[in-house]
C-alpha atoms as a PDB file:
ATOM      1  CA  UNK A   1     101.885 118.680  99.272  1.00  0.00           C
ATOM      2  CA  UNK A   2     102.742 115.696 101.633  1.00  0.00           C
ATOM      3  CA  UNK A   3      99.673 113.451 101.426  1.00  0.00           C
ATOM      4  CA  UNK A   4      96.820 113.053  99.452  1.00  0.00           C
ATOM      5  CA  UNK A   5      94.070 110.544  99.478  1.00  0.00           C
ATOM      6  CA  UNK A   6      90.484 109.475  98.531  1.00  0.00           C
ATOM      7  CA  UNK A   7      88.059 107.459 100.817  1.00  0.00           C
ATOM      8  CA  UNK A   8      85.511 106.091  98.201  1.00  0.00           C
ATOM      9  CA  UNK A   9      81.866 105.172  98.419  1.00  0.00           C
ATOM     10  CA  UNK A  10      80.683 103.547  95.116  1.00  0.00           C
ATOM     11  CA  UNK A  11      77.155 103.042  93.647  1.00  0.00           C
ATOM     12  CA  UNK A  12      77.065 102.208  90.102  1.00  0.00           C
ATOM     13  CA  UNK A  13      75.015 101.772  87.074  1.00  0.00           C
ATOM     14  CA  UNK A  14      75.489  99.281  83.861  1.00  0.00           C
ATOM     15  CA  UNK A  15      75.359 100.234  80.451  1.00  0.00           C
ATOM     16  CA  UNK A  16      75.896  96.705  78.409  1.00  0.00           C
ATOM     17  CA  UNK A  17      75.081  98.161  75.110  1.00  0.00           C
ATOM     18  CA  UNK A  18      77.873 100.636  75.190  1.00  0.00           C
ATOM     19  CA  UNK A  19      80.194  98.500  77.340  1.00  0.00           C
ATOM     20  CA  UNK A  20      80.545 101.053  79.927  1.00  0.00           C
ATOM     21  CA  UNK A  21      80.094 101.314  83.996  1.00  0.00           C
ATOM     22  CA  UNK A  22      79.056 104.418  85.381  1.00  0.00           C
ATOM     23  CA  UNK A  23      79.977 105.432  88.650  1.00  0.00           C
ATOM     24  CA  UNK A  24      78.383 107.345  91.280  1.00  0.00           C
ATOM     25  CA  UNK A  25      81.613 108.065  93.630  1.00  0.00           C
ATOM     26  CA  UNK A  26      81.358 110.496  96.910  1.00  0.00           C
ATOM     27  CA  UNK A  27      85.062 110.759  98.314  1.00  0.00           C
ATOM     28  CA  UNK A  28      86.682 112.204 101.174  1.00  0.00           C
ATOM     29  CA  UNK A  29      89.794 114.278  99.700  1.00  0.00           C
ATOM     30  CA  UNK A  30      92.724 114.917 102.347  1.00  0.00           C
ATOM     31  CA  UNK A  31      96.027 116.657 101.818  1.00  0.00           C
ATOM     32  CA  UNK A  32      98.470 119.111 103.685  1.00  0.00           C
ATOM     33  CA  UNK A  33      99.069 122.291 102.803  1.00  0.00           C
ATOM     34  CA  UNK A  34     102.065 123.685 105.404  1.00  0.00           C
ATOM     35  CA  UNK A  35     101.237 127.364 104.424  1.00  0.00           C
ATOM     36  CA  UNK A  36      97.896 126.713 106.224  1.00  0.00           C
ATOM     37  CA  UNK A  37      99.493 125.776 109.688  1.00  0.00           C
ATOM     38  CA  UNK A  38      99.108 127.398 113.139  1.00  0.00           C
ATOM     39  CA  UNK A  39      99.642 127.434 116.621  1.00  0.00           C
ATOM     40  CA  UNK A  40      96.417 126.912 118.410  1.00  0.00           C
ATOM     41  CA  UNK A  41      97.754 128.351 121.773  1.00  0.00           C
ATOM     42  CA  UNK A  42      98.038 131.535 119.986  1.00  0.00           C
ATOM     43  CA  UNK A  43      94.634 131.528 118.436  1.00  0.00           C
ATOM     44  CA  UNK A  44      92.498 130.878 121.563  1.00  0.00           C
ATOM     45  CA  UNK A  45      92.791 126.965 121.088  1.00  0.00           C
ATOM     46  CA  UNK A  46      91.058 126.850 118.105  1.00  0.00           C
ATOM     47  CA  UNK A  47      92.133 123.440 116.304  1.00  0.00           C
ATOM     48  CA  UNK A  48      89.875 123.508 113.383  1.00  0.00           C
ATOM     49  CA  UNK A  49      87.841 125.707 111.312  1.00  0.00           C
ATOM     50  CA  UNK A  50      85.674 125.209 108.278  1.00  0.00           C
ATOM     51  CA  UNK A  51      86.303 126.865 105.429  1.00  0.00           C
ATOM     52  CA  UNK A  52      84.738 127.403 101.626  1.00  0.00           C
ATOM     53  CA  UNK A  53      86.869 125.519  99.286  1.00  0.00           C
ATOM     54  CA  UNK A  54      87.225 128.275  96.885  1.00  0.00           C
ATOM     55  CA  UNK A  55      89.698 129.834  99.240  1.00  0.00           C
ATOM     56  CA  UNK A  56      91.906 126.963  99.224  1.00  0.00           C
ATOM     57  CA  UNK A  57      94.080 125.551  97.036  1.00  0.00           C
ATOM     58  CA  UNK A  58      92.717 122.221  95.887  1.00  0.00           C
ATOM     59  CA  UNK A  59      94.822 119.595  94.195  1.00  0.00           C
ATOM     60  CA  UNK A  60      93.583 118.691  90.781  1.00  0.00           C
ATOM     61  CA  UNK A  61      92.573 114.954  91.462  1.00  0.00           C
ATOM     62  CA  UNK A  62      91.094 113.645  87.914  1.00  0.00           C
ATOM     63  CA  UNK A  63      89.427 110.378  86.801  1.00  0.00           C
ATOM     64  CA  UNK A  64      92.072 109.059  84.183  1.00  0.00           C
ATOM     65  CA  UNK A  65      90.940 107.048  81.185  1.00  0.00           C
ATOM     66  CA  UNK A  66      87.219 107.757  81.825  1.00  0.00           C
ATOM     67  CA  UNK A  67      84.969 108.388  79.348  1.00  0.00           C
ATOM     68  CA  UNK A  68      83.071 111.231  80.951  1.00  0.00           C
ATOM     69  CA  UNK A  69      83.051 113.062  84.336  1.00  0.00           C
ATOM     70  CA  UNK A  70      80.024 115.139  86.339  1.00  0.00           C
ATOM     71  CA  UNK A  71      81.620 116.718  89.036  1.00  0.00           C
ATOM     72  CA  UNK A  72      79.150 118.068  91.703  1.00  0.00           C
ATOM     73  CA  UNK A  73      81.259 119.117  94.272  1.00  0.00           C
ATOM     74  CA  UNK A  74      83.020 122.387  95.965  1.00  0.00           C
ATOM     75  CA  UNK A  75      80.309 124.826  95.165  1.00  0.00           C
ATOM     76  CA  UNK A  76      77.927 123.970  98.346  1.00  0.00           C
ATOM     77  CA  UNK A  77      80.771 121.736 100.254  1.00  0.00           C
ATOM     78  CA  UNK A  78      82.816 123.037 102.800  1.00  0.00           C
ATOM     79  CA  UNK A  79      86.235 121.655 103.658  1.00  0.00           C
ATOM     80  CA  UNK A  80      87.712 121.344 107.249  1.00  0.00           C
ATOM     81  CA  UNK A  81      91.065 122.835 107.849  1.00  0.00           C
ATOM     82  CA  UNK A  82      93.262 121.496 110.899  1.00  0.00           C
ATOM     83  CA  UNK A  83      95.889 123.582 112.923  1.00  0.00           C
ATOM     84  CA  UNK A  84      98.473 121.624 111.358  1.00  0.00           C
ATOM     85  CA  UNK A  85      97.516 122.189 107.858  1.00  0.00           C
ATOM     86  CA  UNK A  86      95.525 118.958 107.107  1.00  0.00           C
ATOM     87  CA  UNK A  87      92.330 119.414 104.925  1.00  0.00           C
ATOM     88  CA  UNK A  88      89.248 117.391 104.252  1.00  0.00           C
ATOM     89  CA  UNK A  89      86.810 118.066 101.259  1.00  0.00           C
ATOM     90  CA  UNK A  90      84.136 115.836 100.739  1.00  0.00           C
ATOM     91  CA  UNK A  91      83.194 115.360  96.802  1.00  0.00           C
ATOM     92  CA  UNK A  92      80.977 113.877  94.881  1.00  0.00           C
ATOM     93  CA  UNK A  93      81.441 113.045  91.182  1.00  0.00           C
ATOM     94  CA  UNK A  94      79.659 110.635  88.484  1.00  0.00           C
ATOM     95  CA  UNK A  95      82.091 109.199  86.202  1.00  0.00           C
ATOM     96  CA  UNK A  96      82.002 106.754  83.556  1.00  0.00           C
ATOM     97  CA  UNK A  97      84.293 104.005  82.283  1.00  0.00           C
ATOM     98  CA  UNK A  98      84.855 101.589  79.512  1.00  0.00           C
ATOM     99  CA  UNK A  99      84.746  97.819  80.638  1.00  0.00           C
ATOM    100  CA  UNK A 100      85.671  94.536  79.095  1.00  0.00           C
ATOM    101  CA  UNK A 101      82.207  92.660  79.379  1.00  0.00           C
ATOM    102  CA  UNK A 102      82.035  88.962  78.788  1.00  0.00           C
ATOM    103  CA  UNK A 103      78.340  87.685  78.732  1.00  0.00           C
ATOM    104  CA  UNK A 104      79.200  83.988  77.885  1.00  0.00           C
ATOM    105  CA  UNK A 105      77.839  82.982  81.611  1.00  0.00           C
ATOM    106  CA  UNK A 106      74.743  85.265  81.483  1.00  0.00           C
ATOM    107  CA  UNK A 107      72.767  85.802  83.947  1.00  0.00           C
ATOM    108  CA  UNK A 108      75.695  83.967  86.359  1.00  0.00           C
ATOM    109  CA  UNK A 109      78.731  86.334  84.822  1.00  0.00           C
ATOM    110  CA  UNK A 110      81.309  88.358  86.499  1.00  0.00           C
ATOM    111  CA  UNK A 111      82.549  91.518  85.401  1.00  0.00           C
ATOM    112  CA  UNK A 112      85.699  93.435  86.076  1.00  0.00           C
ATOM    113  CA  UNK A 113      85.968  97.269  85.594  1.00  0.00           C
ATOM    114  CA  UNK A 114      89.593  98.946  86.083  1.00  0.00           C
ATOM    115  CA  UNK A 115      89.023 102.675  87.509  1.00  0.00           C
ATOM    116  CA  UNK A 116      92.059 105.241  88.359  1.00  0.00           C
ATOM    117  CA  UNK A 117      92.544 108.453  89.370  1.00  0.00           C
ATOM    118  CA  UNK A 118      95.101 110.658  88.569  1.00  0.00           C
ATOM    119  CA  UNK A 119      97.107 113.994  90.002  1.00  0.00           C
ATOM    120  CA  UNK A 120      99.646 115.978  87.883  1.00  0.00           C
ATOM    121  CA  UNK A 121     102.726 117.708  90.160  1.00  0.00           C
ATOM    122  CA  UNK A 122     106.493 117.991  90.133  1.00  0.00           C
ATOM    123  CA  UNK A 123     107.706 116.149  92.919  1.00  0.00           C
ATOM    124  CA  UNK A 124     109.495 113.150  92.155  1.00  0.00           C
ATOM    125  CA  UNK A 125     110.598 112.133  95.313  1.00  0.00           C
ATOM    126  CA  UNK A 126     107.174 110.988  97.097  1.00  0.00           C
ATOM    127  CA  UNK A 127     104.354 109.740  95.590  1.00  0.00           C
ATOM    128  CA  UNK A 128     101.594 112.448  94.963  1.00  0.00           C
ATOM    129  CA  UNK A 129      98.482 110.366  95.303  1.00  0.00           C
ATOM    130  CA  UNK A 130      97.993 107.551  97.911  1.00  0.00           C
ATOM    131  CA  UNK A 131      95.149 105.522  98.644  1.00  0.00           C
ATOM    132  CA  UNK A 132      93.795 104.508 102.338  1.00  0.00           C
ATOM    133  CA  UNK A 133      93.986 100.990 103.374  1.00  0.00           C
ATOM    134  CA  UNK A 134      90.509 100.487 104.227  1.00  0.00           C
ATOM    135  CA  UNK A 135      88.046  99.784 101.159  1.00  0.00           C
ATOM    136  CA  UNK A 136      85.513 101.748  99.992  1.00  0.00           C
ATOM    137  CA  UNK A 137      81.795 101.029 100.856  1.00  0.00           C
ATOM    138  CA  UNK A 138      80.140  99.603  98.328  1.00  0.00           C
ATOM    139  CA  UNK A 139      76.533  99.835  96.927  1.00  0.00           C
ATOM    140  CA  UNK A 140      75.158  96.980  95.057  1.00  0.00           C
ATOM    141  CA  UNK A 141      71.953  97.627  93.091  1.00  0.00           C
ATOM    142  CA  UNK A 142      69.197  95.076  92.122  1.00  0.00           C
ATOM    143  CA  UNK A 143      70.990  93.481  89.192  1.00  0.00           C
ATOM    144  CA  UNK A 144      74.368  93.424  90.562  1.00  0.00           C
ATOM    145  CA  UNK A 145      76.497  93.300  93.374  1.00  0.00           C
ATOM    146  CA  UNK A 146      80.143  93.997  94.511  1.00  0.00           C
ATOM    147  CA  UNK A 147      82.851  91.036  94.606  1.00  0.00           C
ATOM    148  CA  UNK A 148      82.682  87.426  93.765  1.00  0.00           C
ATOM    149  CA  UNK A 149      82.252  85.285  96.940  1.00  0.00           C
ATOM    150  CA  UNK A 150      84.651  85.771  99.727  1.00  0.00           C
ATOM    151  CA  UNK A 151      87.244  87.086  97.032  1.00  0.00           C
ATOM    152  CA  UNK A 152      86.675  90.665  98.055  1.00  0.00           C
ATOM    153  CA  UNK A 153      85.457  93.515  95.743  1.00  0.00           C
ATOM    154  CA  UNK A 154      88.748  95.824  95.019  1.00  0.00           C
ATOM    155  CA  UNK A 155      92.325  94.895  94.973  1.00  0.00           C
ATOM    156  CA  UNK A 156      95.137  96.710  96.287  1.00  0.00           C
ATOM    157  CA  UNK A 157      95.773  99.878  94.881  1.00  0.00           C
ATOM    158  CA  UNK A 158      98.184 100.225  92.171  1.00  0.00           C
ATOM    159  CA  UNK A 159     100.434 103.346  92.362  1.00  0.00           C
ATOM    160  CA  UNK A 160     102.775 104.299  89.441  1.00  0.00           C
ATOM    161  CA  UNK A 161     104.101 107.301  87.971  1.00  0.00           C
ATOM    162  CA  UNK A 162     104.661 108.408  84.336  1.00  0.00           C
ATOM    163  CA  UNK A 163     106.842 111.438  83.059  1.00  0.00           C
ATOM    164  CA  UNK A 164     105.730 114.025  80.433  1.00  0.00           C
ATOM    165  CA  UNK A 165     107.852 116.842  80.116  1.00  0.00           C
ATOM    166  CA  UNK A 166     108.638 117.977  83.538  1.00  0.00           C
ATOM    167  CA  UNK A 167     105.617 117.029  84.818  1.00  0.00           C
ATOM    168  CA  UNK A 168     105.295 114.067  87.161  1.00  0.00           C
ATOM    169  CA  UNK A 169     101.748 111.832  87.300  1.00  0.00           C
ATOM    170  CA  UNK A 170     100.938 109.629  89.740  1.00  0.00           C
ATOM    171  CA  UNK A 171      97.761 107.399  89.431  1.00  0.00           C
ATOM    172  CA  UNK A 172      95.921 104.903  91.529  1.00  0.00           C
ATOM    173  CA  UNK A 173      94.215 102.201  89.795  1.00  0.00           C
ATOM    174  CA  UNK A 174      91.078  99.898  91.409  1.00  0.00           C
ATOM    175  CA  UNK A 175      89.873  96.699  89.683  1.00  0.00           C
ATOM    176  CA  UNK A 176      86.346  96.482  90.713  1.00  0.00           C
ATOM    177  CA  UNK A 177      84.475  92.674  90.258  1.00  0.00           C
ATOM    178  CA  UNK A 178      80.909  92.830  89.863  1.00  0.00           C
ATOM    179  CA  UNK A 179      78.584  89.745  89.998  1.00  0.00           C
ATOM    180  CA  UNK A 180      75.130  89.684  88.243  1.00  0.00           C
ATOM    181  CA  UNK A 181      72.349  89.089  90.456  1.00  0.00           C
ATOM    182  CA  UNK A 182      71.149  85.575  88.984  1.00  0.00           C
ATOM    183  CA  UNK A 183      67.881  85.773  90.998  1.00  0.00           C
ATOM    184  CA  UNK A 184      67.255  88.999  89.513  1.00  0.00           C
ATOM    185  CA  UNK A 185      67.104  87.664  85.931  1.00  0.00           C
ATOM    186  CA  UNK A 186      65.614  84.321  86.533  1.00  0.00           C
ATOM    187  CA  UNK A 187      63.009  86.168  87.914  1.00  0.00           C
ATOM    188  CA  UNK A 188      62.164  87.817  84.985  1.00  0.00           C
ATOM    189  CA  UNK A 189      62.083  85.083  82.826  1.00  0.00           C
END
């Protein structure tokens, strides 16, 4: 596998008593499987097909350090396969993470939550998991908004690898900044 990356769309829910944030993540997972290449001129100039994901090898990208995950993809989705072996699969999942909250500035507090994704593999030459350069489309809710002013909502992805036996793990981490909508809370008082 030469390239795997996610394009994320985030919606989130806070659970302040449990110090957790739940993200609903709609993503596009991209990878290349060289076994699935073909010459379009030999096949009526067909350059792409739509197929069921259960007929493919799909990389096992998992949300690391999460407290819970509910995957709602594959079964009803289709994958797009291109003649060069590149594959796109749209996925959707609900993932909860523990976040360190500081409420001392309530209702004008700003919180940060780290999320990450991992991929186990056996290549030590190239990173296994890469992130796209563009930021995810993040949807705020009535109580919280993404970002802190113009500073941005997500830091550059952090890519690192660790060894566990003979398996290399590649992980990408994101730091999500959320700001409480103080107008929501002052209107409630």
